[in-house]
Amino acid sequence: MAPQFTVIRDTTPDSAILKGAVVAMGNFDGVHLGHRAVIAAALEMGRAHGRPALALTFEPHPRRFFSPNTPQFRLTDERAKLRLLAGTGLAGAVVMTFDKARAGTSAQDFIHHDLIERLGVSGIAVGYDFHFGKGRVGSPSLLVNEAPRLGIEVDVQAHVDIDERPVSSSAIRIALAEGQLDEATAMLGAPWFITGEVIHGEKRGRDLGYPTANIRLDANCGLKHGIYAVRVGRGAERLNGVASFGRRPTFDNGAPLLEIFLFDFKGDLYGQSLDCAFIGFIREELKFNDIDALIRQMDDDSARARAMLAAAPGAFPRLGTVD
């Protein structure tokens, strides 16, 4: 049985904090390969010193605080991020509220009050480009310079490249917006996924022979509209399927909706929470002149999805349990 993943928040009493832990610091949107290098460094440091390793992250994402009116396509909401972090072997996560007070905290105050006094950290792993504190004055070099005086160890991880291109959350968002799932998956180290509750739709799929489980994604989701091969998680169960994300131009051009047809499945999923991992991009969303043409295309989409899923039998993000 895996050890419990502990989440420490601003409201957590000092007596419940894992003092002396090593922390991996970052925003961790997507928990991609660059983030995982920082986490691996924290885990190794923790093992070397017999200390637990935690992620230290911020919610909401600082971009949302500084640009509240700018749409923000997050790769992972808070819970998805924590579930991914819980799947890395970390003992827990420190989630700091990013608000006006946090934005106005100097880098030195953050180090001395939050890291040393409250958390009692024994070591810090951080990415080469991570900045913190008022005016983003805090930097990896500041932490390295302060480390001897504070009696802590600091590990700074260089960027991770794939095909000579740096891995970043921004690059993954661009890949998803362009339907380049292979590229996004490579940078993430696993398929990108969403979690949502199955809602009632227009039930057109039943009449077409393709009943769907419908999930409304975040309004700022930047995933390319189109047809995808997907693998769905319902608890520990894994189900294969084909999904459409878009506005249904053949019918109503309505608000974007994820419609998932699960292969070889019968049952009522309404109100259930599903994890949907995107395995392959099949085609763009199209408008059809008649229903027969649409059904023929759906038959072809299903066959292509089955082939993509068969070629990636174990593809699914590694998710831990978060209370």
C-alpha atoms as a PDB file:
ATOM      1  CA  MET A   1       0.000   0.000   0.000  1.00  0.00           C
ATOM      2  CA  ALA A   2       1.423   3.381  -1.057  1.00  0.00           C
ATOM      3  CA  PRO A   3       2.109   5.885   1.759  1.00  0.00           C
ATOM      4  CA  GLN A   4      -0.407   8.681   2.132  1.00  0.00           C
ATOM      5  CA  PHE A   5       0.222  11.815   0.088  1.00  0.00           C
ATOM      6  CA  THR A   6       0.050  14.795   2.464  1.00  0.00           C
ATOM      7  CA  VAL A   7      -1.179  18.204   1.276  1.00  0.00           C
ATOM      8  CA  ILE A   8      -0.001  21.164   3.346  1.00  0.00           C
ATOM      9  CA  ARG A   9      -1.821  24.470   2.913  1.00  0.00           C
ATOM     10  CA  ASP A  10      -1.571  27.950   4.423  1.00  0.00           C
ATOM     11  CA  THR A  11      -4.168  26.874   6.995  1.00  0.00           C
ATOM     12  CA  THR A  12      -2.270  23.732   8.046  1.00  0.00           C
ATOM     13  CA  PRO A  13      -1.085  24.056  11.672  1.00  0.00           C
ATOM     14  CA  ASP A  14       2.671  23.981  12.242  1.00  0.00           C
ATOM     15  CA  SER A  15       2.305  20.772  14.245  1.00  0.00           C
ATOM     16  CA  ALA A  16       1.069  18.942  11.123  1.00  0.00           C
ATOM     17  CA  ILE A  17       3.919  20.029   8.840  1.00  0.00           C
ATOM     18  CA  LEU A  18       6.651  17.568   7.811  1.00  0.00           C
ATOM     19  CA  LYS A  19       9.604  19.583   9.141  1.00  0.00           C
ATOM     20  CA  GLY A  20      13.010  19.107   7.595  1.00  0.00           C
ATOM     21  CA  ALA A  21      11.721  17.968   4.209  1.00  0.00           C
ATOM     22  CA  VAL A  22      13.350  18.581   0.856  1.00  0.00           C
ATOM     23  CA  VAL A  23      11.143  20.616  -1.477  1.00  0.00           C
ATOM     24  CA  ALA A  24      10.900  20.698  -5.259  1.00  0.00           C
ATOM     25  CA  MET A  25       9.692  24.218  -6.083  1.00  0.00           C
ATOM     26  CA  GLY A  26       7.676  25.161  -9.151  1.00  0.00           C
ATOM     27  CA  ASN A  27       4.271  25.918 -10.610  1.00  0.00           C
ATOM     28  CA  PHE A  28       4.221  22.410 -12.132  1.00  0.00           C
ATOM     29  CA  ASP A  29       1.475  23.042 -14.690  1.00  0.00           C
ATOM     30  CA  GLY A  30       1.256  19.699 -16.502  1.00  0.00           C
ATOM     31  CA  VAL A  31       4.021  18.074 -14.405  1.00  0.00           C
ATOM     32  CA  HIS A  32       6.077  17.649 -17.578  1.00  0.00           C
ATOM     33  CA  LEU A  33       9.569  16.166 -18.033  1.00  0.00           C
ATOM     34  CA  GLY A  34      11.292  19.382 -16.939  1.00  0.00           C
ATOM     35  CA  HIS A  35       9.245  19.397 -13.744  1.00  0.00           C
ATOM     36  CA  ARG A  36       9.958  15.711 -13.242  1.00  0.00           C
ATOM     37  CA  ALA A  37      13.709  16.357 -13.401  1.00  0.00           C
ATOM     38  CA  VAL A  38      13.327  18.811 -10.495  1.00  0.00           C
ATOM     39  CA  ILE A  39      11.164  16.290  -8.608  1.00  0.00           C
ATOM     40  CA  ALA A  40      13.697  13.504  -9.233  1.00  0.00           C
ATOM     41  CA  ALA A  41      16.460  15.732  -7.835  1.00  0.00           C
ATOM     42  CA  ALA A  42      14.390  16.397  -4.694  1.00  0.00           C
ATOM     43  CA  LEU A  43      13.650  12.688  -4.262  1.00  0.00           C
ATOM     44  CA  GLU A  44      17.339  11.809  -4.610  1.00  0.00           C
ATOM     45  CA  MET A  45      18.342  14.539  -2.145  1.00  0.00           C
ATOM     46  CA  GLY A  46      15.711  13.303   0.289  1.00  0.00           C
ATOM     47  CA  ARG A  47      16.928   9.702   0.007  1.00  0.00           C
ATOM     48  CA  ALA A  48      20.548  10.792   0.543  1.00  0.00           C
ATOM     49  CA  HIS A  49      19.659  12.597   3.774  1.00  0.00           C
ATOM     50  CA  GLY A  50      16.844  10.380   5.005  1.00  0.00           C
ATOM     51  CA  ARG A  51      14.280  13.149   4.549  1.00  0.00           C
ATOM     52  CA  PRO A  52      10.831  13.204   2.926  1.00  0.00           C
ATOM     53  CA  ALA A  53      10.505  15.089  -0.365  1.00  0.00           C
ATOM     54  CA  LEU A  54       7.623  17.433  -1.120  1.00  0.00           C
ATOM     55  CA  ALA A  55       6.521  19.571  -4.050  1.00  0.00           C
ATOM     56  CA  LEU A  56       5.998  23.257  -3.291  1.00  0.00           C
ATOM     57  CA  THR A  57       3.558  24.933  -5.643  1.00  0.00           C
ATOM     58  CA  PHE A  58       1.142  27.856  -5.894  1.00  0.00           C
ATOM     59  CA  GLU A  59      -2.613  28.144  -6.431  1.00  0.00           C
ATOM     60  CA  PRO A  60      -4.082  29.811  -8.311  1.00  0.00           C
ATOM     61  CA  HIS A  61      -1.350  29.944 -10.941  1.00  0.00           C
ATOM     62  CA  PRO A  62       0.477  33.295 -10.612  1.00  0.00           C
ATOM     63  CA  ARG A  63      -0.457  34.132 -14.222  1.00  0.00           C
ATOM     64  CA  ARG A  64      -4.094  34.204 -13.177  1.00  0.00           C
ATOM     65  CA  PHE A  65      -3.337  36.672 -10.370  1.00  0.00           C
ATOM     66  CA  PHE A  66      -1.260  39.015 -12.513  1.00  0.00           C
ATOM     67  CA  SER A  67      -3.477  38.765 -15.636  1.00  0.00           C
ATOM     68  CA  PRO A  68      -6.986  37.978 -14.339  1.00  0.00           C
ATOM     69  CA  ASN A  69      -8.708  39.064 -17.567  1.00  0.00           C
ATOM     70  CA  THR A  70      -6.475  37.051 -19.895  1.00  0.00           C
ATOM     71  CA  PRO A  71      -7.759  33.539 -20.734  1.00  0.00           C
ATOM     72  CA  GLN A  72      -5.457  30.944 -19.197  1.00  0.00           C
ATOM     73  CA  PHE A  73      -5.274  27.448 -20.699  1.00  0.00           C
ATOM     74  CA  ARG A  74      -4.055  25.365 -17.785  1.00  0.00           C
ATOM     75  CA  LEU A  75      -2.733  21.907 -18.573  1.00  0.00           C
ATOM     76  CA  THR A  76      -3.772  20.700 -15.123  1.00  0.00           C
ATOM     77  CA  ASP A  77      -6.147  22.179 -12.599  1.00  0.00           C
ATOM     78  CA  GLU A  78      -5.133  21.976  -8.939  1.00  0.00           C
ATOM     79  CA  ARG A  79      -6.499  18.500  -8.305  1.00  0.00           C
ATOM     80  CA  ALA A  80      -5.060  17.012 -11.503  1.00  0.00           C
ATOM     81  CA  LYS A  81      -1.687  18.525 -10.670  1.00  0.00           C
ATOM     82  CA  LEU A  82      -1.755  17.063  -7.161  1.00  0.00           C
ATOM     83  CA  ARG A  83      -2.752  13.628  -8.471  1.00  0.00           C
ATOM     84  CA  LEU A  84       0.184  13.685 -10.900  1.00  0.00           C
ATOM     85  CA  LEU A  85       2.549  14.827  -8.146  1.00  0.00           C
ATOM     86  CA  ALA A  86       1.214  12.044  -5.915  1.00  0.00           C
ATOM     87  CA  GLY A  87       2.151   9.555  -8.624  1.00  0.00           C
ATOM     88  CA  THR A  88       5.847  10.571  -8.621  1.00  0.00           C
ATOM     89  CA  GLY A  89       6.791   9.124  -5.238  1.00  0.00           C
ATOM     90  CA  LEU A  90       6.754  12.439  -3.377  1.00  0.00           C
ATOM     91  CA  ALA A  91       5.507  12.332   0.211  1.00  0.00           C
ATOM     92  CA  GLY A  92       3.225  15.303  -0.333  1.00  0.00           C
ATOM     93  CA  ALA A  93       2.813  18.851  -1.594  1.00  0.00           C
ATOM     94  CA  VAL A  94       2.832  22.311  -0.094  1.00  0.00           C
ATOM     95  CA  VAL A  95       0.138  24.401  -1.807  1.00  0.00           C
ATOM     96  CA  MET A  96       0.643  28.109  -1.139  1.00  0.00           C
ATOM     97  CA  THR A  97      -2.168  30.523  -1.937  1.00  0.00           C
ATOM     98  CA  PHE A  98      -0.991  33.039  -4.508  1.00  0.00           C
ATOM     99  CA  ASP A  99      -2.746  36.288  -3.635  1.00  0.00           C
ATOM    100  CA  LYS A 100      -1.876  39.961  -3.135  1.00  0.00           C
ATOM    101  CA  ALA A 101       0.016  39.235   0.076  1.00  0.00           C
ATOM    102  CA  ARG A 102       2.050  36.449  -1.533  1.00  0.00           C
ATOM    103  CA  ALA A 103       2.778  38.555  -4.612  1.00  0.00           C
ATOM    104  CA  GLY A 104       4.060  41.342  -2.353  1.00  0.00           C
ATOM    105  CA  THR A 105       6.339  39.118  -0.264  1.00  0.00           C
ATOM    106  CA  SER A 106      10.016  39.776  -0.894  1.00  0.00           C
ATOM    107  CA  ALA A 107      12.242  36.929  -1.977  1.00  0.00           C
ATOM    108  CA  GLN A 108      14.213  37.115   1.275  1.00  0.00           C
ATOM    109  CA  ASP A 109      11.045  37.025   3.404  1.00  0.00           C
ATOM    110  CA  PHE A 110       9.790  34.059   1.406  1.00  0.00           C
ATOM    111  CA  ILE A 111      13.035  32.183   2.000  1.00  0.00           C
ATOM    112  CA  HIS A 112      13.306  32.973   5.696  1.00  0.00           C
ATOM    113  CA  HIS A 113       9.666  32.915   6.780  1.00  0.00           C
ATOM    114  CA  ASP A 114       8.029  30.368   4.453  1.00  0.00           C
ATOM    115  CA  LEU A 115      10.873  27.999   3.649  1.00  0.00           C
ATOM    116  CA  ILE A 116      13.040  28.067   6.768  1.00  0.00           C
ATOM    117  CA  GLU A 117      10.794  29.068   9.691  1.00  0.00           C
ATOM    118  CA  ARG A 118       7.467  27.508   8.685  1.00  0.00           C
ATOM    119  CA  LEU A 119       8.547  24.495   6.634  1.00  0.00           C
ATOM    120  CA  GLY A 120      12.022  24.000   8.075  1.00  0.00           C
ATOM    121  CA  VAL A 121      13.312  22.774   4.718  1.00  0.00           C
ATOM    122  CA  SER A 122      16.601  20.911   4.593  1.00  0.00           C
ATOM    123  CA  GLY A 123      17.032  21.157   0.839  1.00  0.00           C
ATOM    124  CA  ILE A 124      15.567  22.717  -2.295  1.00  0.00           C
ATOM    125  CA  ALA A 125      15.451  21.494  -5.891  1.00  0.00           C
ATOM    126  CA  VAL A 126      14.453  24.063  -8.479  1.00  0.00           C
ATOM    127  CA  GLY A 127      14.482  24.582 -12.232  1.00  0.00           C
ATOM    128  CA  TYR A 128      16.940  26.936 -13.893  1.00  0.00           C
ATOM    129  CA  ASP A 129      14.207  29.452 -14.807  1.00  0.00           C
ATOM    130  CA  PHE A 130      12.108  29.503 -11.626  1.00  0.00           C
ATOM    131  CA  HIS A 131      11.659  32.932 -10.029  1.00  0.00           C
ATOM    132  CA  PHE A 132       9.797  33.942  -6.889  1.00  0.00           C
ATOM    133  CA  GLY A 133       9.154  36.848  -4.563  1.00  0.00           C
ATOM    134  CA  LYS A 134       8.080  40.430  -5.257  1.00  0.00           C
ATOM    135  CA  GLY A 135       9.248  41.545  -8.682  1.00  0.00           C
ATOM    136  CA  ARG A 136      10.486  37.981  -9.388  1.00  0.00           C
ATOM    137  CA  VAL A 137      13.736  38.909  -7.638  1.00  0.00           C
ATOM    138  CA  GLY A 138      14.121  35.417  -6.186  1.00  0.00           C
ATOM    139  CA  SER A 139      16.137  33.140  -8.433  1.00  0.00           C
ATOM    140  CA  PRO A 140      18.064  29.874  -8.394  1.00  0.00           C
ATOM    141  CA  SER A 141      21.323  31.816  -8.018  1.00  0.00           C
ATOM    142  CA  LEU A 142      19.950  33.611  -4.936  1.00  0.00           C
ATOM    143  CA  LEU A 143      19.066  30.255  -3.373  1.00  0.00           C
ATOM    144  CA  VAL A 144      22.527  28.877  -4.171  1.00  0.00           C
ATOM    145  CA  ASN A 145      24.185  31.927  -2.610  1.00  0.00           C
ATOM    146  CA  GLU A 146      22.018  31.732   0.520  1.00  0.00           C
ATOM    147  CA  ALA A 147      22.336  27.963   0.981  1.00  0.00           C
ATOM    148  CA  PRO A 148      25.623  27.853   2.994  1.00  0.00           C
ATOM    149  CA  ARG A 149      24.430  30.457   5.483  1.00  0.00           C
ATOM    150  CA  LEU A 150      21.062  28.744   5.879  1.00  0.00           C
ATOM    151  CA  GLY A 151      22.579  25.290   6.189  1.00  0.00           C
ATOM    152  CA  ILE A 152      20.564  23.790   3.348  1.00  0.00           C
ATOM    153  CA  GLU A 153      21.383  22.090   0.064  1.00  0.00           C
ATOM    154  CA  VAL A 154      20.200  23.557  -3.251  1.00  0.00           C
ATOM    155  CA  ASP A 155      20.060  21.697  -6.563  1.00  0.00           C
ATOM    156  CA  VAL A 156      19.373  23.652  -9.778  1.00  0.00           C
ATOM    157  CA  GLN A 157      18.186  21.603 -12.742  1.00  0.00           C
ATOM    158  CA  ALA A 158      18.970  22.644 -16.322  1.00  0.00           C
ATOM    159  CA  HIS A 159      16.273  22.663 -18.984  1.00  0.00           C
ATOM    160  CA  VAL A 160      15.181  19.362 -20.496  1.00  0.00           C
ATOM    161  CA  ASP A 161      15.250  19.201 -24.302  1.00  0.00           C
ATOM    162  CA  ILE A 162      13.510  16.961 -26.807  1.00  0.00           C
ATOM    163  CA  ASP A 163      14.916  17.165 -30.333  1.00  0.00           C
ATOM    164  CA  GLU A 164      16.917  20.230 -29.223  1.00  0.00           C
ATOM    165  CA  ARG A 165      13.749  22.051 -28.135  1.00  0.00           C
ATOM    166  CA  PRO A 166      13.247  22.950 -24.456  1.00  0.00           C
ATOM    167  CA  VAL A 167      10.317  21.265 -22.740  1.00  0.00           C
ATOM    168  CA  SER A 168       7.893  23.823 -21.289  1.00  0.00           C
ATOM    169  CA  SER A 169       4.240  24.154 -20.344  1.00  0.00           C
ATOM    170  CA  SER A 170       3.854  26.797 -23.062  1.00  0.00           C
ATOM    171  CA  ALA A 171       5.239  24.462 -25.730  1.00  0.00           C
ATOM    172  CA  ILE A 172       2.824  21.735 -24.609  1.00  0.00           C
ATOM    173  CA  ARG A 173      -0.141  24.135 -24.824  1.00  0.00           C
ATOM    174  CA  ILE A 174       0.877  25.030 -28.375  1.00  0.00           C
ATOM    175  CA  ALA A 175       1.182  21.344 -29.322  1.00  0.00           C
ATOM    176  CA  LEU A 176      -2.297  20.582 -27.938  1.00  0.00           C
ATOM    177  CA  ALA A 177      -3.763  23.599 -29.740  1.00  0.00           C
ATOM    178  CA  GLU A 178      -2.303  22.261 -32.993  1.00  0.00           C
ATOM    179  CA  GLY A 179      -3.429  18.665 -32.430  1.00  0.00           C
ATOM    180  CA  GLN A 180       0.188  17.510 -32.122  1.00  0.00           C
ATOM    181  CA  LEU A 181      -0.509  14.883 -29.475  1.00  0.00           C
ATOM    182  CA  ASP A 182       2.685  12.907 -30.032  1.00  0.00           C
ATOM    183  CA  GLU A 183       4.689  16.044 -29.321  1.00  0.00           C
ATOM    184  CA  ALA A 184       2.656  16.923 -26.223  1.00  0.00           C
ATOM    185  CA  THR A 185       2.871  13.360 -24.900  1.00  0.00           C
ATOM    186  CA  ALA A 186       6.642  13.280 -25.393  1.00  0.00           C
ATOM    187  CA  MET A 187       7.094  16.491 -23.386  1.00  0.00           C
ATOM    188  CA  LEU A 188       4.698  15.393 -20.655  1.00  0.00           C
ATOM    189  CA  GLY A 189       6.108  11.891 -20.408  1.00  0.00           C
ATOM    190  CA  ALA A 190       2.532  10.534 -20.553  1.00  0.00           C
ATOM    191  CA  PRO A 191      -0.694  11.391 -22.374  1.00  0.00           C
ATOM    192  CA  TRP A 192      -2.401  14.672 -21.479  1.00  0.00           C
ATOM    193  CA  PHE A 193      -5.632  14.091 -19.585  1.00  0.00           C
ATOM    194  CA  ILE A 194      -8.679  15.855 -18.209  1.00  0.00           C
ATOM    195  CA  THR A 195     -11.110  14.891 -15.469  1.00  0.00           C
ATOM    196  CA  GLY A 196     -14.787  15.735 -15.566  1.00  0.00           C
ATOM    197  CA  GLU A 197     -18.289  14.707 -14.618  1.00  0.00           C
ATOM    198  CA  VAL A 198     -20.498  13.050 -17.208  1.00  0.00           C
ATOM    199  CA  ILE A 199     -23.476  15.287 -18.010  1.00  0.00           C
ATOM    200  CA  HIS A 200     -26.655  14.858 -20.049  1.00  0.00           C
ATOM    201  CA  GLY A 201     -26.446  15.915 -23.687  1.00  0.00           C
ATOM    202  CA  GLU A 202     -28.858  15.967 -26.625  1.00  0.00           C
ATOM    203  CA  LYS A 203     -28.588  12.152 -26.883  1.00  0.00           C
ATOM    204  CA  ARG A 204     -28.118  12.305 -30.667  1.00  0.00           C
ATOM    205  CA  GLY A 205     -25.367   9.699 -30.393  1.00  0.00           C
ATOM    206  CA  ARG A 206     -27.869   7.030 -29.368  1.00  0.00           C
ATOM    207  CA  ASP A 207     -29.801   7.507 -32.598  1.00  0.00           C
ATOM    208  CA  LEU A 208     -26.550   7.281 -34.577  1.00  0.00           C
ATOM    209  CA  GLY A 209     -25.447   4.081 -32.838  1.00  0.00           C
ATOM    210  CA  TYR A 210     -22.729   5.956 -30.948  1.00  0.00           C
ATOM    211  CA  PRO A 211     -23.992   6.810 -27.446  1.00  0.00           C
ATOM    212  CA  THR A 212     -21.571   9.203 -25.772  1.00  0.00           C
ATOM    213  CA  ALA A 213     -20.462  10.234 -22.301  1.00  0.00           C
ATOM    214  CA  ASN A 214     -20.379  14.029 -22.399  1.00  0.00           C
ATOM    215  CA  ILE A 215     -18.024  16.207 -20.374  1.00  0.00           C
ATOM    216  CA  ARG A 216     -17.867  20.000 -20.344  1.00  0.00           C
ATOM    217  CA  LEU A 217     -14.226  21.134 -20.292  1.00  0.00           C
ATOM    218  CA  ASP A 218     -12.911  24.367 -18.848  1.00  0.00           C
ATOM    219  CA  ALA A 219     -13.957  27.341 -20.978  1.00  0.00           C
ATOM    220  CA  ASN A 220     -10.286  28.234 -21.505  1.00  0.00           C
ATOM    221  CA  CYS A 221      -9.276  24.777 -22.720  1.00  0.00           C
ATOM    222  CA  GLY A 222      -7.143  25.301 -25.819  1.00  0.00           C
ATOM    223  CA  LEU A 223      -7.230  21.739 -27.139  1.00  0.00           C
ATOM    224  CA  LYS A 224      -7.714  21.635 -30.908  1.00  0.00           C
ATOM    225  CA  HIS A 225     -11.267  20.807 -31.938  1.00  0.00           C
ATOM    226  CA  GLY A 226     -11.359  17.420 -33.579  1.00  0.00           C
ATOM    227  CA  ILE A 227     -11.608  13.655 -33.184  1.00  0.00           C
ATOM    228  CA  TYR A 228      -9.311  11.736 -30.823  1.00  0.00           C
ATOM    229  CA  ALA A 229      -8.425   8.230 -29.728  1.00  0.00           C
ATOM    230  CA  VAL A 230      -8.871   8.239 -25.952  1.00  0.00           C
ATOM    231  CA  ARG A 231      -8.359   5.988 -22.964  1.00  0.00           C
ATOM    232  CA  VAL A 232     -10.736   6.601 -20.085  1.00  0.00           C
ATOM    233  CA  GLY A 233     -10.162   5.892 -16.431  1.00  0.00           C
ATOM    234  CA  ARG A 234     -13.089   5.082 -14.158  1.00  0.00           C
ATOM    235  CA  GLY A 235     -11.318   4.441 -10.881  1.00  0.00           C
ATOM    236  CA  ALA A 236      -8.829   1.655 -11.601  1.00  0.00           C
ATOM    237  CA  GLU A 237     -10.763   0.544 -14.720  1.00  0.00           C
ATOM    238  CA  ARG A 238      -9.444   1.519 -18.180  1.00  0.00           C
ATOM    239  CA  LEU A 239     -11.785   1.847 -21.152  1.00  0.00           C
ATOM    240  CA  ASN A 240     -10.869   2.583 -24.764  1.00  0.00           C
ATOM    241  CA  GLY A 241     -12.835   4.899 -26.994  1.00  0.00           C
ATOM    242  CA  VAL A 242     -13.051   7.639 -29.566  1.00  0.00           C
ATOM    243  CA  ALA A 243     -13.983  11.202 -28.694  1.00  0.00           C
ATOM    244  CA  SER A 244     -15.053  14.397 -30.360  1.00  0.00           C
ATOM    245  CA  PHE A 245     -14.134  17.749 -28.867  1.00  0.00           C
ATOM    246  CA  GLY A 246     -15.771  20.733 -30.475  1.00  0.00           C
ATOM    247  CA  ARG A 247     -18.966  22.528 -31.425  1.00  0.00           C
ATOM    248  CA  ARG A 248     -20.805  19.830 -33.457  1.00  0.00           C
ATOM    249  CA  PRO A 249     -21.041  21.822 -36.735  1.00  0.00           C
ATOM    250  CA  THR A 250     -23.293  19.214 -38.354  1.00  0.00           C
ATOM    251  CA  PHE A 251     -25.951  19.923 -35.717  1.00  0.00           C
ATOM    252  CA  ASP A 252     -25.805  23.109 -33.677  1.00  0.00           C
ATOM    253  CA  ASN A 253     -22.358  24.795 -33.535  1.00  0.00           C
ATOM    254  CA  GLY A 254     -22.916  25.076 -29.793  1.00  0.00           C
ATOM    255  CA  ALA A 255     -20.535  25.488 -26.871  1.00  0.00           C
ATOM    256  CA  PRO A 256     -17.483  23.185 -26.991  1.00  0.00           C
ATOM    257  CA  LEU A 257     -18.191  19.751 -25.545  1.00  0.00           C
ATOM    258  CA  LEU A 258     -16.181  16.542 -25.156  1.00  0.00           C
ATOM    259  CA  GLU A 259     -18.263  13.574 -26.363  1.00  0.00           C
ATOM    260  CA  ILE A 260     -16.742  10.152 -25.660  1.00  0.00           C
ATOM    261  CA  PHE A 261     -17.894   6.898 -27.257  1.00  0.00           C
ATOM    262  CA  LEU A 262     -16.538   3.947 -25.282  1.00  0.00           C
ATOM    263  CA  PHE A 263     -15.895   0.740 -27.189  1.00  0.00           C
ATOM    264  CA  ASP A 264     -17.614  -2.425 -26.004  1.00  0.00           C
ATOM    265  CA  PHE A 265     -19.227  -0.686 -23.032  1.00  0.00           C
ATOM    266  CA  LYS A 266     -22.781  -0.634 -21.770  1.00  0.00           C
ATOM    267  CA  GLY A 267     -23.869   1.195 -18.657  1.00  0.00           C
ATOM    268  CA  ASP A 268     -25.008   4.476 -17.138  1.00  0.00           C
ATOM    269  CA  LEU A 269     -22.189   6.944 -16.517  1.00  0.00           C
ATOM    270  CA  TYR A 270     -24.234  10.069 -15.720  1.00  0.00           C
ATOM    271  CA  GLY A 271     -22.862  11.949 -12.748  1.00  0.00           C
ATOM    272  CA  GLN A 272     -19.684   9.866 -12.613  1.00  0.00           C
ATOM    273  CA  SER A 273     -16.211  11.403 -12.720  1.00  0.00           C
ATOM    274  CA  LEU A 274     -13.992  10.121 -15.533  1.00  0.00           C
ATOM    275  CA  ASP A 275     -10.346  10.654 -16.426  1.00  0.00           C
ATOM    276  CA  CYS A 276      -9.905  10.990 -20.181  1.00  0.00           C
ATOM    277  CA  ALA A 277      -6.400  10.623 -21.621  1.00  0.00           C
ATOM    278  CA  PHE A 278      -5.849  11.761 -25.218  1.00  0.00           C
ATOM    279  CA  ILE A 279      -3.817   9.128 -27.050  1.00  0.00           C
ATOM    280  CA  GLY A 280      -3.966  10.189 -30.709  1.00  0.00           C
ATOM    281  CA  PHE A 281      -5.379  12.900 -32.970  1.00  0.00           C
ATOM    282  CA  ILE A 282      -7.450  11.477 -35.815  1.00  0.00           C
ATOM    283  CA  ARG A 283      -8.829  14.434 -37.747  1.00  0.00           C
ATOM    284  CA  GLU A 284     -10.271  17.921 -37.543  1.00  0.00           C
ATOM    285  CA  GLU A 285     -13.930  18.555 -36.804  1.00  0.00           C
ATOM    286  CA  LEU A 286     -16.035  18.539 -40.007  1.00  0.00           C
ATOM    287  CA  LYS A 287     -19.563  19.453 -41.098  1.00  0.00           C
ATOM    288  CA  PHE A 288     -21.450  16.698 -42.925  1.00  0.00           C
ATOM    289  CA  ASN A 289     -24.316  17.209 -45.367  1.00  0.00           C
ATOM    290  CA  ASP A 290     -26.203  14.085 -44.323  1.00  0.00           C
ATOM    291  CA  ILE A 291     -26.332  11.675 -41.397  1.00  0.00           C
ATOM    292  CA  ASP A 292     -25.246   8.626 -43.433  1.00  0.00           C
ATOM    293  CA  ALA A 293     -21.993  10.361 -44.366  1.00  0.00           C
ATOM    294  CA  LEU A 294     -21.429  11.247 -40.706  1.00  0.00           C
ATOM    295  CA  ILE A 295     -21.990   7.636 -39.587  1.00  0.00           C
ATOM    296  CA  ARG A 296     -19.598   6.303 -42.234  1.00  0.00           C
ATOM    297  CA  GLN A 297     -16.966   8.744 -41.014  1.00  0.00           C
ATOM    298  CA  MET A 298     -17.602   7.757 -37.379  1.00  0.00           C
ATOM    299  CA  ASP A 299     -17.116   4.108 -38.317  1.00  0.00           C
ATOM    300  CA  ASP A 300     -13.773   5.010 -39.888  1.00  0.00           C
ATOM    301  CA  ASP A 301     -12.797   7.180 -36.886  1.00  0.00           C
ATOM    302  CA  SER A 302     -13.535   4.272 -34.550  1.00  0.00           C
ATOM    303  CA  ALA A 303     -11.388   1.877 -36.558  1.00  0.00           C
ATOM    304  CA  ARG A 304      -8.498   4.345 -36.569  1.00  0.00           C
ATOM    305  CA  ALA A 305      -8.892   4.962 -32.831  1.00  0.00           C
ATOM    306  CA  ARG A 306      -8.803   1.235 -32.104  1.00  0.00           C
ATOM    307  CA  ALA A 307      -5.566   0.926 -34.090  1.00  0.00           C
ATOM    308  CA  MET A 308      -3.959   3.875 -32.257  1.00  0.00           C
ATOM    309  CA  LEU A 309      -4.958   2.474 -28.879  1.00  0.00           C
ATOM    310  CA  ALA A 310      -3.721  -1.015 -29.755  1.00  0.00           C
ATOM    311  CA  ALA A 311      -0.338   0.539 -30.606  1.00  0.00           C
ATOM    312  CA  ALA A 312      -0.203   2.211 -27.166  1.00  0.00           C
ATOM    313  CA  PRO A 313      -1.642  -0.445 -24.818  1.00  0.00           C
ATOM    314  CA  GLY A 314      -0.367   0.982 -21.530  1.00  0.00           C
ATOM    315  CA  ALA A 315      -0.559   4.671 -22.305  1.00  0.00           C
ATOM    316  CA  PHE A 316      -2.127   6.506 -19.366  1.00  0.00           C
ATOM    317  CA  PRO A 317      -0.847   9.039 -16.853  1.00  0.00           C
ATOM    318  CA  ARG A 318       0.388   7.715 -13.530  1.00  0.00           C
ATOM    319  CA  LEU A 319      -1.959   9.206 -10.962  1.00  0.00           C
ATOM    320  CA  GLY A 320      -1.712   9.006  -7.197  1.00  0.00           C
ATOM    321  CA  THR A 321      -4.440   9.345  -4.609  1.00  0.00           C
ATOM    322  CA  VAL A 322      -5.157  12.719  -3.016  1.00  0.00           C
ATOM    323  CA  ASP A 323      -7.604  13.081  -0.151  1.00  0.00           C
END
